[in-house]
Amino acid sequence: MKVTVTVNGEPVTADVEDRMLLVHYVRDVAGLTATNIGCDTTSCGACTVLLDGESVKSCTILAAQADGSAVLTVEGLAGASGELHPMQSAFRAEHGLQCGFCTPGMVMAAVSLLRENPDPTEEQVRAGLEGNLCRCTGYHNIVRAVLAAAGAGAPGAGAAGAGADPLEAGPLEAGTGVAT
């Protein structure tokens, strides 16, 4: 079946099997390998992306279900000149990673969390990231990173420019994740 998904602002069309998962579409068809496959059972959150602005575990969605939709991956958060999204910067500054395997999914879940609640408490951050597992850290630095990003105004800065949400800023320049 032919599927077209806009991935980080770039339309990607391919003939895929009916049972292809969105995570495989993102990795194998779109060639964006930061979205990780951790469990294939929705338990770990390593495959978290934003589908039409909502945080989803891409191992639970068929590519065919995403036909006509927009997907944002961690690669699409950075600006055209390579500047990091405030959430990515906060994870870096607060040492919110160790091995890095969970980080792309954790960052995407955190971006979604701050879109829904721009000023969360520590408890709300912990509850909001409950579906994303990290086997290396004690979550302390991850929570600090999300709180730091909230204090920096995330997700309102970054890829779409200061003061604009990259998911609500209008059309994206092809392949850049930057609003035109």
N, C-alpha and C. Protein backbone atom coordinates (compact mmCIF):
# COMPACT_ATOMS: atom_id res chain seq x y z
N MET A 1 0.84 -1.16 0.00
CA MET A 1 0.00 0.00 0.00
C MET A 1 0.89 1.23 0.00
N LYS A 2 0.45 2.28 -0.68
CA LYS A 2 1.21 3.52 -0.77
C LYS A 2 0.85 4.40 0.42
N VAL A 3 1.89 4.89 1.10
CA VAL A 3 1.72 5.72 2.29
C VAL A 3 2.57 6.98 2.12
N THR A 4 2.00 8.12 2.49
CA THR A 4 2.75 9.37 2.53
C THR A 4 2.62 9.96 3.92
N VAL A 5 3.75 10.16 4.55
CA VAL A 5 3.83 10.76 5.87
C VAL A 5 4.80 11.93 5.78
N THR A 6 4.42 13.06 6.31
CA THR A 6 5.34 14.19 6.36
C THR A 6 6.20 14.01 7.60
N VAL A 7 7.49 13.78 7.39
CA VAL A 7 8.41 13.52 8.49
C VAL A 7 9.37 14.71 8.61
N ASN A 8 9.29 15.39 9.72
CA ASN A 8 10.11 16.58 9.97
C ASN A 8 9.99 17.59 8.84
N GLY A 9 8.76 17.74 8.33
CA GLY A 9 8.50 18.74 7.30
C GLY A 9 8.71 18.27 5.88
N GLU A 10 9.18 17.05 5.70
CA GLU A 10 9.48 16.50 4.38
C GLU A 10 8.50 15.38 4.06
N PRO A 11 7.73 15.49 2.97
CA PRO A 11 6.84 14.37 2.61
C PRO A 11 7.66 13.14 2.21
N VAL A 12 7.30 12.01 2.78
CA VAL A 12 7.97 10.75 2.47
C VAL A 12 6.89 9.77 2.01
N THR A 13 7.01 9.32 0.75
CA THR A 13 6.04 8.40 0.17
C THR A 13 6.74 7.09 -0.14
N ALA A 14 6.06 5.99 0.19
CA ALA A 14 6.63 4.67 -0.09
C ALA A 14 5.52 3.64 -0.15
N ASP A 15 5.78 2.58 -0.89
CA ASP A 15 4.92 1.40 -0.86
C ASP A 15 5.39 0.55 0.30
N VAL A 16 4.49 0.25 1.22
CA VAL A 16 4.86 -0.50 2.41
C VAL A 16 3.89 -1.65 2.61
N GLU A 17 4.32 -2.64 3.37
CA GLU A 17 3.44 -3.73 3.76
C GLU A 17 2.39 -3.19 4.73
N ASP A 18 1.22 -3.78 4.71
CA ASP A 18 0.13 -3.35 5.60
C ASP A 18 0.53 -3.37 7.06
N ARG A 19 1.40 -4.27 7.44
CA ARG A 19 1.74 -4.44 8.86
C ARG A 19 2.98 -3.65 9.30
N MET A 20 3.54 -2.82 8.41
CA MET A 20 4.72 -2.04 8.79
C MET A 20 4.36 -1.05 9.89
N LEU A 21 5.17 -1.04 10.95
CA LEU A 21 4.98 -0.11 12.05
C LEU A 21 5.57 1.25 11.71
N LEU A 22 5.03 2.29 12.31
CA LEU A 22 5.53 3.64 12.07
C LEU A 22 7.01 3.76 12.44
N VAL A 23 7.44 3.11 13.49
CA VAL A 23 8.85 3.17 13.88
C VAL A 23 9.76 2.66 12.75
N HIS A 24 9.33 1.62 12.06
CA HIS A 24 10.13 1.09 10.96
C HIS A 24 10.06 2.02 9.75
N TYR A 25 8.92 2.66 9.55
CA TYR A 25 8.78 3.64 8.47
C TYR A 25 9.76 4.80 8.70
N VAL A 26 9.78 5.31 9.92
CA VAL A 26 10.67 6.41 10.25
C VAL A 26 12.13 6.00 10.07
N ARG A 27 12.49 4.84 10.58
CA ARG A 27 13.89 4.39 10.52
C ARG A 27 14.31 3.91 9.13
N ASP A 28 13.49 3.02 8.56
CA ASP A 28 13.92 2.33 7.34
C ASP A 28 13.53 3.06 6.06
N VAL A 29 12.40 3.73 6.06
CA VAL A 29 11.95 4.44 4.86
C VAL A 29 12.47 5.87 4.86
N ALA A 30 12.24 6.59 5.97
CA ALA A 30 12.70 7.98 6.05
C ALA A 30 14.18 8.09 6.37
N GLY A 31 14.77 7.01 6.89
CA GLY A 31 16.21 6.99 7.18
C GLY A 31 16.62 7.77 8.41
N LEU A 32 15.70 7.96 9.34
CA LEU A 32 15.98 8.71 10.57
C LEU A 32 16.09 7.73 11.73
N THR A 33 17.31 7.42 12.10
CA THR A 33 17.55 6.31 13.02
C THR A 33 17.65 6.72 14.49
N ALA A 34 17.41 7.97 14.83
CA ALA A 34 17.43 8.34 16.25
C ALA A 34 16.24 7.76 16.99
N THR A 35 15.13 7.55 16.28
CA THR A 35 13.97 6.92 16.90
C THR A 35 14.32 5.46 17.09
N ASN A 36 14.44 5.04 18.33
CA ASN A 36 14.94 3.70 18.61
C ASN A 36 13.83 2.68 18.81
N ILE A 37 14.18 1.43 18.53
CA ILE A 37 13.30 0.30 18.79
C ILE A 37 13.82 -0.37 20.05
N GLY A 38 13.03 -0.28 21.10
CA GLY A 38 13.48 -0.83 22.37
C GLY A 38 12.80 -2.12 22.74
N CYS A 39 11.48 -2.19 22.56
CA CYS A 39 10.77 -3.33 23.08
C CYS A 39 9.69 -3.88 22.14
N ASP A 40 9.18 -3.05 21.24
CA ASP A 40 8.07 -3.43 20.35
C ASP A 40 6.80 -3.80 21.12
N THR A 41 6.70 -3.40 22.38
CA THR A 41 5.52 -3.75 23.17
C THR A 41 4.93 -2.54 23.90
N THR A 42 5.31 -1.35 23.55
CA THR A 42 4.88 -0.09 24.15
C THR A 42 5.34 0.09 25.59
N SER A 43 6.29 -0.67 26.03
CA SER A 43 6.72 -0.59 27.42
C SER A 43 7.79 0.44 27.69
N CYS A 44 8.66 0.72 26.70
CA CYS A 44 9.85 1.50 27.03
C CYS A 44 9.82 2.95 26.57
N GLY A 45 9.12 3.28 25.51
CA GLY A 45 9.06 4.66 25.04
C GLY A 45 10.24 5.12 24.21
N ALA A 46 11.19 4.25 23.90
CA ALA A 46 12.35 4.65 23.10
C ALA A 46 11.96 5.11 21.70
N CYS A 47 10.80 4.70 21.24
CA CYS A 47 10.34 5.01 19.89
C CYS A 47 9.38 6.20 19.85
N THR A 48 9.30 6.98 20.93
CA THR A 48 8.35 8.09 21.00
C THR A 48 8.65 9.16 19.96
N VAL A 49 7.61 9.54 19.22
CA VAL A 49 7.64 10.64 18.25
C VAL A 49 6.38 11.46 18.47
N LEU A 50 6.29 12.59 17.80
CA LEU A 50 5.05 13.36 17.83
C LEU A 50 4.33 13.12 16.52
N LEU A 51 3.11 12.64 16.61
CA LEU A 51 2.26 12.37 15.45
C LEU A 51 1.15 13.40 15.48
N ASP A 52 1.16 14.28 14.48
CA ASP A 52 0.21 15.39 14.45
C ASP A 52 0.20 16.14 15.79
N GLY A 53 1.39 16.30 16.36
CA GLY A 53 1.55 17.07 17.59
C GLY A 53 1.35 16.31 18.87
N GLU A 54 0.94 15.05 18.79
CA GLU A 54 0.70 14.25 19.99
C GLU A 54 1.81 13.22 20.18
N SER A 55 2.25 13.06 21.40
CA SER A 55 3.26 12.07 21.73
C SER A 55 2.69 10.66 21.56
N VAL A 56 3.36 9.84 20.74
CA VAL A 56 2.93 8.46 20.55
C VAL A 56 4.16 7.55 20.55
N LYS A 57 3.92 6.32 20.94
CA LYS A 57 4.96 5.30 20.82
C LYS A 57 4.79 4.71 19.43
N SER A 58 5.77 4.96 18.57
CA SER A 58 5.63 4.61 17.16
C SER A 58 5.67 3.11 16.89
N CYS A 59 5.93 2.31 17.91
CA CYS A 59 5.84 0.86 17.73
C CYS A 59 4.41 0.36 17.88
N THR A 60 3.48 1.28 18.19
CA THR A 60 2.08 0.89 18.37
C THR A 60 1.20 1.37 17.22
N ILE A 61 1.79 2.10 16.28
CA ILE A 61 1.03 2.70 15.19
C ILE A 61 1.51 2.08 13.88
N LEU A 62 0.58 1.69 13.05
CA LEU A 62 0.95 1.22 11.72
C LEU A 62 1.26 2.41 10.83
N ALA A 63 2.20 2.25 9.93
CA ALA A 63 2.52 3.32 8.99
C ALA A 63 1.27 3.74 8.23
N ALA A 64 0.42 2.78 7.87
CA ALA A 64 -0.80 3.09 7.15
C ALA A 64 -1.73 3.98 7.96
N GLN A 65 -1.72 3.83 9.28
CA GLN A 65 -2.54 4.69 10.13
C GLN A 65 -2.03 6.13 10.14
N ALA A 66 -0.76 6.32 9.85
CA ALA A 66 -0.15 7.65 9.84
C ALA A 66 -0.20 8.30 8.45
N ASP A 67 -0.75 7.60 7.48
CA ASP A 67 -0.85 8.14 6.12
C ASP A 67 -1.54 9.50 6.16
N GLY A 68 -0.90 10.51 5.57
CA GLY A 68 -1.45 11.85 5.54
C GLY A 68 -1.16 12.68 6.78
N SER A 69 -0.45 12.11 7.73
CA SER A 69 -0.15 12.79 8.99
C SER A 69 1.26 13.38 8.96
N ALA A 70 1.56 14.14 10.01
CA ALA A 70 2.89 14.72 10.19
C ALA A 70 3.55 14.10 11.40
N VAL A 71 4.80 13.70 11.23
CA VAL A 71 5.59 13.11 12.31
C VAL A 71 6.78 14.03 12.57
N LEU A 72 7.03 14.29 13.84
CA LEU A 72 8.22 15.03 14.24
C LEU A 72 9.08 14.10 15.08
N THR A 73 10.34 13.95 14.67
CA THR A 73 11.30 13.14 15.41
C THR A 73 12.31 14.07 16.06
N VAL A 74 13.16 13.52 16.88
CA VAL A 74 14.17 14.33 17.57
C VAL A 74 15.08 15.03 16.56
N GLU A 75 15.30 14.42 15.39
CA GLU A 75 16.12 15.07 14.36
C GLU A 75 15.47 16.35 13.86
N GLY A 76 14.15 16.42 13.92
CA GLY A 76 13.43 17.58 13.43
C GLY A 76 13.34 18.73 14.42
N LEU A 77 13.81 18.53 15.64
CA LEU A 77 13.75 19.60 16.64
C LEU A 77 14.83 20.66 16.43
N ALA A 78 16.01 20.25 16.00
CA ALA A 78 17.11 21.19 15.86
C ALA A 78 16.83 22.18 14.74
N GLY A 79 17.34 23.38 14.88
CA GLY A 79 17.17 24.42 13.87
C GLY A 79 18.02 24.16 12.63
N ALA A 80 17.77 24.94 11.60
CA ALA A 80 18.46 24.76 10.31
C ALA A 80 19.97 24.89 10.44
N SER A 81 20.43 25.77 11.31
CA SER A 81 21.87 25.94 11.45
C SER A 81 22.45 25.02 12.52
N GLY A 82 21.64 24.09 12.99
CA GLY A 82 22.13 23.09 13.93
C GLY A 82 21.95 23.44 15.40
N GLU A 83 21.35 24.62 15.69
CA GLU A 83 21.15 24.96 17.09
C GLU A 83 20.15 23.98 17.69
N LEU A 84 20.44 23.58 18.91
CA LEU A 84 19.59 22.60 19.58
C LEU A 84 18.29 23.24 20.05
N HIS A 85 17.24 22.45 20.08
CA HIS A 85 15.97 22.84 20.70
C HIS A 85 16.27 23.02 22.18
N PRO A 86 15.53 23.89 22.87
CA PRO A 86 15.78 24.08 24.30
C PRO A 86 15.74 22.79 25.11
N MET A 87 14.90 21.83 24.71
CA MET A 87 14.85 20.57 25.45
C MET A 87 16.14 19.79 25.23
N GLN A 88 16.64 19.77 24.00
CA GLN A 88 17.90 19.08 23.73
C GLN A 88 19.03 19.75 24.50
N SER A 89 19.05 21.07 24.51
CA SER A 89 20.09 21.81 25.25
C SER A 89 20.01 21.51 26.74
N ALA A 90 18.79 21.45 27.27
CA ALA A 90 18.63 21.17 28.70
C ALA A 90 19.11 19.76 29.05
N PHE A 91 18.79 18.78 28.20
CA PHE A 91 19.27 17.41 28.45
C PHE A 91 20.80 17.39 28.47
N ARG A 92 21.40 18.14 27.57
CA ARG A 92 22.87 18.21 27.51
C ARG A 92 23.42 18.89 28.75
N ALA A 93 22.88 20.06 29.09
CA ALA A 93 23.40 20.84 30.21
C ALA A 93 23.20 20.15 31.55
N GLU A 94 22.07 19.45 31.70
CA GLU A 94 21.75 18.82 32.98
C GLU A 94 22.19 17.36 33.05
N HIS A 95 22.90 16.89 32.04
CA HIS A 95 23.39 15.51 32.00
C HIS A 95 22.23 14.53 32.12
N GLY A 96 21.17 14.76 31.33
CA GLY A 96 19.97 13.95 31.38
C GLY A 96 20.06 12.70 30.52
N LEU A 97 21.26 12.16 30.39
CA LEU A 97 21.43 10.93 29.62
C LEU A 97 22.69 10.23 30.10
N GLN A 98 22.74 8.95 29.82
CA GLN A 98 23.98 8.22 30.03
C GLN A 98 24.32 7.50 28.73
N CYS A 99 23.71 6.36 28.48
CA CYS A 99 24.05 5.67 27.23
C CYS A 99 23.40 6.35 26.03
N GLY A 100 22.28 7.07 26.24
CA GLY A 100 21.63 7.81 25.17
C GLY A 100 20.55 7.06 24.42
N PHE A 101 20.37 5.78 24.69
CA PHE A 101 19.40 5.00 23.92
C PHE A 101 17.97 5.51 24.11
N CYS A 102 17.60 5.86 25.32
CA CYS A 102 16.24 6.33 25.58
C CYS A 102 16.07 7.81 25.27
N THR A 103 17.16 8.53 25.10
CA THR A 103 17.11 9.98 25.03
C THR A 103 16.22 10.54 23.93
N PRO A 104 16.27 10.06 22.70
CA PRO A 104 15.38 10.65 21.69
C PRO A 104 13.90 10.54 22.06
N GLY A 105 13.48 9.38 22.52
CA GLY A 105 12.09 9.20 22.94
C GLY A 105 11.75 10.02 24.17
N MET A 106 12.69 10.10 25.09
CA MET A 106 12.49 10.88 26.32
C MET A 106 12.35 12.36 25.97
N VAL A 107 13.20 12.85 25.08
CA VAL A 107 13.14 14.26 24.67
C VAL A 107 11.80 14.56 23.99
N MET A 108 11.35 13.66 23.11
CA MET A 108 10.08 13.91 22.42
C MET A 108 8.91 13.87 23.39
N ALA A 109 8.94 12.96 24.34
CA ALA A 109 7.88 12.91 25.35
C ALA A 109 7.90 14.17 26.20
N ALA A 110 9.09 14.66 26.52
CA ALA A 110 9.23 15.87 27.33
C ALA A 110 8.74 17.10 26.58
N VAL A 111 9.02 17.18 25.28
CA VAL A 111 8.52 18.29 24.46
C VAL A 111 7.00 18.29 24.48
N SER A 112 6.42 17.12 24.30
CA SER A 112 4.97 17.00 24.33
C SER A 112 4.42 17.39 25.71
N LEU A 113 5.07 16.95 26.75
CA LEU A 113 4.65 17.28 28.11
C LEU A 113 4.61 18.78 28.32
N LEU A 114 5.66 19.49 27.87
CA LEU A 114 5.69 20.93 28.08
C LEU A 114 4.71 21.68 27.18
N ARG A 115 4.34 21.09 26.06
CA ARG A 115 3.29 21.70 25.24
C ARG A 115 1.96 21.66 25.98
N GLU A 116 1.74 20.58 26.73
CA GLU A 116 0.49 20.43 27.48
C GLU A 116 0.53 21.16 28.82
N ASN A 117 1.71 21.23 29.42
CA ASN A 117 1.87 21.86 30.73
C ASN A 117 3.20 22.60 30.74
N PRO A 118 3.21 23.88 30.35
CA PRO A 118 4.48 24.61 30.22
C PRO A 118 5.21 24.89 31.52
N ASP A 119 4.55 24.71 32.65
CA ASP A 119 5.19 25.00 33.93
C ASP A 119 4.91 23.88 34.93
N PRO A 120 5.43 22.67 34.65
CA PRO A 120 5.12 21.53 35.52
C PRO A 120 5.93 21.53 36.81
N THR A 121 5.39 20.85 37.79
CA THR A 121 6.14 20.59 39.01
C THR A 121 7.02 19.36 38.77
N GLU A 122 7.91 19.09 39.69
CA GLU A 122 8.74 17.89 39.58
C GLU A 122 7.87 16.64 39.54
N GLU A 123 6.85 16.60 40.37
CA GLU A 123 5.95 15.45 40.41
C GLU A 123 5.23 15.28 39.06
N GLN A 124 4.80 16.37 38.46
CA GLN A 124 4.12 16.31 37.17
C GLN A 124 5.06 15.84 36.06
N VAL A 125 6.32 16.23 36.11
CA VAL A 125 7.30 15.76 35.13
C VAL A 125 7.49 14.26 35.28
N ARG A 126 7.67 13.80 36.50
CA ARG A 126 7.85 12.36 36.72
C ARG A 126 6.64 11.57 36.24
N ALA A 127 5.43 12.07 36.50
CA ALA A 127 4.22 11.39 36.04
C ALA A 127 4.11 11.46 34.52
N GLY A 128 4.49 12.59 33.94
CA GLY A 128 4.39 12.77 32.49
C GLY A 128 5.34 11.91 31.70
N LEU A 129 6.46 11.55 32.29
CA LEU A 129 7.46 10.71 31.61
C LEU A 129 7.37 9.25 32.03
N GLU A 130 6.32 8.91 32.75
CA GLU A 130 6.15 7.56 33.29
C GLU A 130 6.25 6.47 32.23
N GLY A 131 5.81 6.72 31.02
CA GLY A 131 5.82 5.71 29.97
C GLY A 131 7.14 5.57 29.23
N ASN A 132 8.15 6.33 29.66
CA ASN A 132 9.47 6.25 29.03
C ASN A 132 10.47 5.74 30.05
N LEU A 133 11.09 4.63 29.72
CA LEU A 133 12.04 3.99 30.64
C LEU A 133 13.47 4.34 30.31
N CYS A 134 14.25 4.54 31.36
CA CYS A 134 15.69 4.71 31.23
C CYS A 134 16.32 3.69 32.16
N ARG A 135 17.16 2.86 31.63
CA ARG A 135 17.77 1.81 32.44
C ARG A 135 19.12 2.22 33.02
N CYS A 136 19.60 3.43 32.65
CA CYS A 136 20.93 3.85 33.10
C CYS A 136 20.91 4.87 34.23
N THR A 137 19.91 5.76 34.23
CA THR A 137 19.93 6.85 35.22
C THR A 137 18.88 6.62 36.28
N GLY A 138 18.90 7.45 37.28
CA GLY A 138 17.87 7.43 38.31
C GLY A 138 16.80 8.47 38.02
N TYR A 139 16.75 8.99 36.83
CA TYR A 139 15.76 9.97 36.36
C TYR A 139 15.97 11.36 36.94
N HIS A 140 16.78 11.51 37.95
CA HIS A 140 16.95 12.81 38.59
C HIS A 140 17.38 13.88 37.58
N ASN A 141 18.41 13.59 36.81
CA ASN A 141 18.90 14.58 35.84
C ASN A 141 17.95 14.77 34.68
N ILE A 142 17.20 13.75 34.32
CA ILE A 142 16.19 13.88 33.26
C ILE A 142 15.11 14.85 33.73
N VAL A 143 14.65 14.68 34.93
CA VAL A 143 13.62 15.57 35.49
C VAL A 143 14.17 16.99 35.58
N ARG A 144 15.40 17.14 36.04
CA ARG A 144 16.03 18.47 36.10
C ARG A 144 16.10 19.10 34.72
N ALA A 145 16.41 18.30 33.70
CA ALA A 145 16.49 18.82 32.33
C ALA A 145 15.14 19.34 31.86
N VAL A 146 14.08 18.60 32.13
CA VAL A 146 12.74 19.03 31.71
C VAL A 146 12.35 20.31 32.44
N LEU A 147 12.63 20.37 33.72
CA LEU A 147 12.31 21.58 34.48
C LEU A 147 13.14 22.77 33.99
N ALA A 148 14.40 22.53 33.63
CA ALA A 148 15.24 23.60 33.09
C ALA A 148 14.70 24.08 31.74
N ALA A 149 14.27 23.15 30.90
CA ALA A 149 13.72 23.53 29.61
C ALA A 149 12.43 24.33 29.80
N ALA A 150 11.63 23.95 30.78
CA ALA A 150 10.40 24.70 31.06
C ALA A 150 10.75 26.12 31.46
N GLY A 151 11.79 26.27 32.26
CA GLY A 151 12.23 27.59 32.69
C GLY A 151 12.81 28.41 31.54
N ALA A 152 13.30 27.73 30.51
CA ALA A 152 13.87 28.41 29.34
C ALA A 152 12.81 28.74 28.30
N GLY A 153 11.57 28.36 28.58
CA GLY A 153 10.50 28.66 27.63
C GLY A 153 10.25 27.58 26.60
N ALA A 154 10.84 26.40 26.74
CA ALA A 154 10.59 25.31 25.79
C ALA A 154 9.14 24.90 25.89
N PRO A 155 8.49 24.46 24.85
CA PRO A 155 9.02 24.23 23.53
C PRO A 155 8.93 25.44 22.62
N GLY A 156 8.68 26.61 23.15
CA GLY A 156 8.43 27.77 22.32
C GLY A 156 9.61 28.31 21.56
N ALA A 157 10.82 27.86 21.84
CA ALA A 157 11.98 28.33 21.09
C ALA A 157 12.57 27.14 20.35
N GLY A 158 13.63 27.35 19.67
CA GLY A 158 14.29 26.24 18.98
C GLY A 158 14.04 26.23 17.51
N ALA A 159 13.65 25.10 16.97
CA ALA A 159 13.59 24.88 15.53
C ALA A 159 12.80 25.94 14.77
N ALA A 160 11.70 26.41 15.31
CA ALA A 160 10.88 27.37 14.58
C ALA A 160 11.30 28.80 14.87
N GLY A 161 12.26 28.99 15.75
CA GLY A 161 12.71 30.33 16.10
C GLY A 161 12.14 30.75 17.44
N ALA A 162 12.74 31.76 18.00
CA ALA A 162 12.33 32.22 19.32
C ALA A 162 10.86 32.61 19.35
N GLY A 163 10.18 32.10 20.38
CA GLY A 163 8.80 32.48 20.59
C GLY A 163 7.78 31.71 19.78
N ALA A 164 8.20 30.77 18.97
CA ALA A 164 7.25 30.02 18.14
C ALA A 164 7.41 28.54 18.40
N ASP A 165 6.29 27.85 18.50
CA ASP A 165 6.29 26.40 18.68
C ASP A 165 6.54 25.75 17.33
N PRO A 166 7.55 24.88 17.19
CA PRO A 166 7.86 24.29 15.89
C PRO A 166 6.70 23.47 15.32
N LEU A 167 5.76 23.09 16.16
CA LEU A 167 4.65 22.30 15.66
C LEU A 167 3.47 23.17 15.26
N GLU A 168 3.50 24.44 15.63
CA GLU A 168 2.38 25.31 15.32
C GLU A 168 2.82 26.53 14.51
N ALA A 169 4.01 26.51 13.98
CA ALA A 169 4.55 27.68 13.32
C ALA A 169 4.23 27.76 11.84
N GLY A 170 3.43 26.84 11.34
CA GLY A 170 3.09 26.88 9.93
C GLY A 170 3.94 25.90 9.14
N PRO A 171 3.93 26.05 7.81
CA PRO A 171 4.66 25.11 6.97
C PRO A 171 6.14 25.08 7.29
N LEU A 172 6.73 23.92 7.16
CA LEU A 172 8.16 23.79 7.42
C LEU A 172 8.92 23.79 6.11
N GLU A 173 10.11 24.38 6.15
CA GLU A 173 10.98 24.34 4.98
C GLU A 173 11.41 22.89 4.78
N ALA A 174 11.29 22.40 3.58
CA ALA A 174 11.55 20.99 3.28
C ALA A 174 12.88 20.55 3.85
N GLY A 175 12.83 19.46 4.62
CA GLY A 175 14.03 18.79 5.12
C GLY A 175 14.70 19.46 6.29
N THR A 176 14.19 20.61 6.76
CA THR A 176 14.90 21.31 7.81
C THR A 176 14.19 21.27 9.15
N GLY A 177 12.88 21.12 9.16
CA GLY A 177 12.15 21.21 10.40
C GLY A 177 12.00 22.65 10.88
N VAL A 178 12.32 23.61 10.00
CA VAL A 178 12.25 25.01 10.33
C VAL A 178 11.08 25.65 9.61
N ALA A 179 10.33 26.45 10.34
CA ALA A 179 9.18 27.12 9.73
C ALA A 179 9.63 28.12 8.69
N THR A 180 8.86 28.19 7.61
CA THR A 180 9.18 29.16 6.56
C THR A 180 8.45 30.45 6.79
